[in-house]
Amino acid sequence: MTLSSKIIAVQEIAPGEAVGYGSRWIAERPTRIGVVACGYADGYPRTMPDGAPTWVEGQIAPLVGAVSMDMLEIDITDIPAAGLGSRVELWGRNLPVNRVASAAGTIGYELICALARRVPLRIQH
């Protein structure tokens, strides 16, 4: 099973600027932030910590800031090919669900079972 979405916006932030509710993550360097269309209303854990992995353009992009209802943010500074419209794998072929679950202190089955009905399903054979 793969959970994926896309980058819907890119923001350039300066050192000292914060990302996410409560300013949980603060940039230590000039940073490119990818805003991803997925959040806790889709079933992605609100408790996911900074640094949790996502997969973009063949590389790991760490989660930064608190997951919101409909969006999350990732650091794409070191992935120049990543940008508006890039596909983001939240778990799947390149990023095992159990690795992502481990970052949240849970198991893969909990993540899979938590997906909301609003997440479109596509069956591939």
C-alpha atoms as a PDB file:
ATOM      1  CA  MET A   1       0.000   0.000   0.000  1.00  0.00           C
ATOM      2  CA  THR A   2       1.184   3.485  -0.835  1.00  0.00           C
ATOM      3  CA  LEU A   3       0.005   6.761   0.668  1.00  0.00           C
ATOM      4  CA  SER A   4       1.086   9.644  -1.501  1.00  0.00           C
ATOM      5  CA  SER A   5       0.231  13.230  -2.233  1.00  0.00           C
ATOM      6  CA  LYS A   6       1.815  16.225  -3.949  1.00  0.00           C
ATOM      7  CA  ILE A   7       3.621  19.408  -3.048  1.00  0.00           C
ATOM      8  CA  ILE A   8       1.025  22.163  -3.418  1.00  0.00           C
ATOM      9  CA  ALA A   9       3.236  25.118  -2.484  1.00  0.00           C
ATOM     10  CA  VAL A  10       6.898  25.911  -1.910  1.00  0.00           C
ATOM     11  CA  GLN A  11       8.054  28.509   0.607  1.00  0.00           C
ATOM     12  CA  GLU A  12      11.543  29.915   1.116  1.00  0.00           C
ATOM     13  CA  ILE A  13      12.200  30.717   4.756  1.00  0.00           C
ATOM     14  CA  ALA A  14      15.117  32.356   6.532  1.00  0.00           C
ATOM     15  CA  PRO A  15      17.046  31.148   9.580  1.00  0.00           C
ATOM     16  CA  GLY A  16      15.011  31.779  12.711  1.00  0.00           C
ATOM     17  CA  GLU A  17      11.628  31.514  10.966  1.00  0.00           C
ATOM     18  CA  ALA A  18       9.188  28.922  12.280  1.00  0.00           C
ATOM     19  CA  VAL A  19       6.989  26.332  10.596  1.00  0.00           C
ATOM     20  CA  GLY A  20       3.753  24.817  11.862  1.00  0.00           C
ATOM     21  CA  TYR A  21       1.373  25.322  14.732  1.00  0.00           C
ATOM     22  CA  GLY A  22       3.075  26.549  17.871  1.00  0.00           C
ATOM     23  CA  SER A  23       6.242  27.354  15.896  1.00  0.00           C
ATOM     24  CA  ARG A  24       7.463  23.864  16.734  1.00  0.00           C
ATOM     25  CA  TRP A  25      10.217  23.787  14.093  1.00  0.00           C
ATOM     26  CA  ILE A  26      12.600  26.699  13.557  1.00  0.00           C
ATOM     27  CA  ALA A  27      14.891  26.930  10.528  1.00  0.00           C
ATOM     28  CA  GLU A  28      18.608  26.935  11.274  1.00  0.00           C
ATOM     29  CA  ARG A  29      19.540  27.811   7.669  1.00  0.00           C
ATOM     30  CA  PRO A  30      17.836  29.190   4.557  1.00  0.00           C
ATOM     31  CA  THR A  31      15.263  26.467   3.877  1.00  0.00           C
ATOM     32  CA  ARG A  32      12.912  25.416   1.073  1.00  0.00           C
ATOM     33  CA  ILE A  33       9.679  24.100   2.539  1.00  0.00           C
ATOM     34  CA  GLY A  34       7.330  21.906   0.525  1.00  0.00           C
ATOM     35  CA  VAL A  35       3.700  22.111   1.634  1.00  0.00           C
ATOM     36  CA  VAL A  36       2.056  18.706   1.112  1.00  0.00           C
ATOM     37  CA  ALA A  37      -1.679  18.136   0.731  1.00  0.00           C
ATOM     38  CA  CYS A  38      -2.142  15.595   3.530  1.00  0.00           C
ATOM     39  CA  GLY A  39      -2.907  16.015   7.210  1.00  0.00           C
ATOM     40  CA  TYR A  40      -4.484  14.456  10.254  1.00  0.00           C
ATOM     41  CA  ALA A  41      -7.976  14.637   8.701  1.00  0.00           C
ATOM     42  CA  ASP A  42      -6.623  12.206   6.098  1.00  0.00           C
ATOM     43  CA  GLY A  43      -5.299   9.886   8.800  1.00  0.00           C
ATOM     44  CA  TYR A  44      -1.654  10.976   8.840  1.00  0.00           C
ATOM     45  CA  PRO A  45      -0.697  11.152  12.534  1.00  0.00           C
ATOM     46  CA  ARG A  46      -0.869  14.613  14.104  1.00  0.00           C
ATOM     47  CA  THR A  47       1.780  13.396  16.549  1.00  0.00           C
ATOM     48  CA  MET A  48       4.367  12.687  13.839  1.00  0.00           C
ATOM     49  CA  PRO A  49       7.657  14.256  15.021  1.00  0.00           C
ATOM     50  CA  ASP A  50      10.018  16.583  13.206  1.00  0.00           C
ATOM     51  CA  GLY A  51      12.405  14.556  11.084  1.00  0.00           C
ATOM     52  CA  ALA A  52       9.893  11.817  10.219  1.00  0.00           C
ATOM     53  CA  PRO A  53      10.717  10.583   6.713  1.00  0.00           C
ATOM     54  CA  THR A  54       8.887  11.244   3.464  1.00  0.00           C
ATOM     55  CA  TRP A  55      10.144  10.292  -0.018  1.00  0.00           C
ATOM     56  CA  VAL A  56      10.415  12.943  -2.744  1.00  0.00           C
ATOM     57  CA  GLU A  57      12.251  12.781  -6.077  1.00  0.00           C
ATOM     58  CA  GLY A  58      14.233   9.733  -4.962  1.00  0.00           C
ATOM     59  CA  GLN A  59      15.346  11.123  -1.610  1.00  0.00           C
ATOM     60  CA  ILE A  60      14.219  11.351   1.990  1.00  0.00           C
ATOM     61  CA  ALA A  61      12.688  14.720   2.903  1.00  0.00           C
ATOM     62  CA  PRO A  62      12.122  15.191   6.638  1.00  0.00           C
ATOM     63  CA  LEU A  63       8.847  16.410   8.084  1.00  0.00           C
ATOM     64  CA  VAL A  64       9.128  19.832   9.730  1.00  0.00           C
ATOM     65  CA  GLY A  65       6.582  21.438  12.006  1.00  0.00           C
ATOM     66  CA  ALA A  66       3.296  20.133  13.337  1.00  0.00           C
ATOM     67  CA  VAL A  67       0.956  18.220  11.037  1.00  0.00           C
ATOM     68  CA  SER A  68      -2.201  20.256  10.485  1.00  0.00           C
ATOM     69  CA  MET A  69      -5.679  19.140   9.469  1.00  0.00           C
ATOM     70  CA  ASP A  70      -5.101  19.235   5.711  1.00  0.00           C
ATOM     71  CA  MET A  71      -1.377  19.844   5.248  1.00  0.00           C
ATOM     72  CA  LEU A  72       2.092  18.995   6.404  1.00  0.00           C
ATOM     73  CA  GLU A  73       5.460  20.542   5.605  1.00  0.00           C
ATOM     74  CA  ILE A  74       8.702  18.924   4.531  1.00  0.00           C
ATOM     75  CA  ASP A  75      12.253  20.231   4.118  1.00  0.00           C
ATOM     76  CA  ILE A  76      13.199  20.015   0.426  1.00  0.00           C
ATOM     77  CA  THR A  77      16.268  22.261   0.652  1.00  0.00           C
ATOM     78  CA  ASP A  78      18.660  19.486  -0.369  1.00  0.00           C
ATOM     79  CA  ILE A  79      16.405  18.108  -3.124  1.00  0.00           C
ATOM     80  CA  PRO A  80      16.650  20.626  -5.977  1.00  0.00           C
ATOM     81  CA  ALA A  81      14.376  18.541  -8.246  1.00  0.00           C
ATOM     82  CA  ALA A  82      11.538  18.766  -5.699  1.00  0.00           C
ATOM     83  CA  GLY A  83       9.003  21.503  -6.242  1.00  0.00           C
ATOM     84  CA  LEU A  84       5.425  22.375  -6.999  1.00  0.00           C
ATOM     85  CA  GLY A  85       3.598  19.233  -8.108  1.00  0.00           C
ATOM     86  CA  SER A  86       6.280  16.758  -6.992  1.00  0.00           C
ATOM     87  CA  ARG A  87       4.840  13.462  -5.781  1.00  0.00           C
ATOM     88  CA  VAL A  88       5.443  12.807  -2.083  1.00  0.00           C
ATOM     89  CA  GLU A  89       5.359   9.235  -0.800  1.00  0.00           C
ATOM     90  CA  LEU A  90       4.322   9.229   2.843  1.00  0.00           C
ATOM     91  CA  TRP A  91       4.719   5.459   2.927  1.00  0.00           C
ATOM     92  CA  GLY A  92       4.923   2.781   0.275  1.00  0.00           C
ATOM     93  CA  ARG A  93       7.407   1.070  -2.039  1.00  0.00           C
ATOM     94  CA  ASN A  94      10.313   3.402  -1.209  1.00  0.00           C
ATOM     95  CA  LEU A  95       9.391   4.108   2.390  1.00  0.00           C
ATOM     96  CA  PRO A  96       8.032   1.137   4.377  1.00  0.00           C
ATOM     97  CA  VAL A  97       5.002   1.912   6.515  1.00  0.00           C
ATOM     98  CA  ASN A  98       6.685   0.369   9.555  1.00  0.00           C
ATOM     99  CA  ARG A  99       9.603   2.823   9.243  1.00  0.00           C
ATOM    100  CA  VAL A 100       7.155   5.739   9.228  1.00  0.00           C
ATOM    101  CA  ALA A 101       5.144   4.209  12.078  1.00  0.00           C
ATOM    102  CA  SER A 102       8.295   3.772  14.134  1.00  0.00           C
ATOM    103  CA  ALA A 103       8.941   7.524  13.891  1.00  0.00           C
ATOM    104  CA  ALA A 104       5.483   8.059  15.432  1.00  0.00           C
ATOM    105  CA  GLY A 105       6.004   5.404  18.110  1.00  0.00           C
ATOM    106  CA  THR A 106       3.416   3.029  16.695  1.00  0.00           C
ATOM    107  CA  ILE A 107       3.020   0.178  14.196  1.00  0.00           C
ATOM    108  CA  GLY A 108       2.214   0.207  10.503  1.00  0.00           C
ATOM    109  CA  TYR A 109      -1.221  -1.365  10.952  1.00  0.00           C
ATOM    110  CA  GLU A 110      -2.338   1.600  13.037  1.00  0.00           C
ATOM    111  CA  LEU A 111      -1.373   4.032  10.265  1.00  0.00           C
ATOM    112  CA  ILE A 112      -3.091   1.984   7.579  1.00  0.00           C
ATOM    113  CA  CYS A 113      -6.270   1.563   9.643  1.00  0.00           C
ATOM    114  CA  ALA A 114      -6.395   5.284  10.451  1.00  0.00           C
ATOM    115  CA  LEU A 115      -6.753   6.425   6.835  1.00  0.00           C
ATOM    116  CA  ALA A 116      -9.882   8.520   6.408  1.00  0.00           C
ATOM    117  CA  ARG A 117     -12.679   7.760   3.966  1.00  0.00           C
ATOM    118  CA  ARG A 118     -11.904  11.012   2.161  1.00  0.00           C
ATOM    119  CA  VAL A 119      -8.573   9.622   0.943  1.00  0.00           C
ATOM    120  CA  PRO A 120      -9.113   8.400  -2.626  1.00  0.00           C
ATOM    121  CA  LEU A 121      -8.256   4.756  -3.198  1.00  0.00           C
ATOM    122  CA  ARG A 122      -6.804   3.445  -6.417  1.00  0.00           C
ATOM    123  CA  ILE A 123      -6.381  -0.298  -6.868  1.00  0.00           C
ATOM    124  CA  GLN A 124      -3.499  -1.395  -9.064  1.00  0.00           C
ATOM    125  CA  HIS A 125      -2.756  -4.911 -10.149  1.00  0.00           C
END
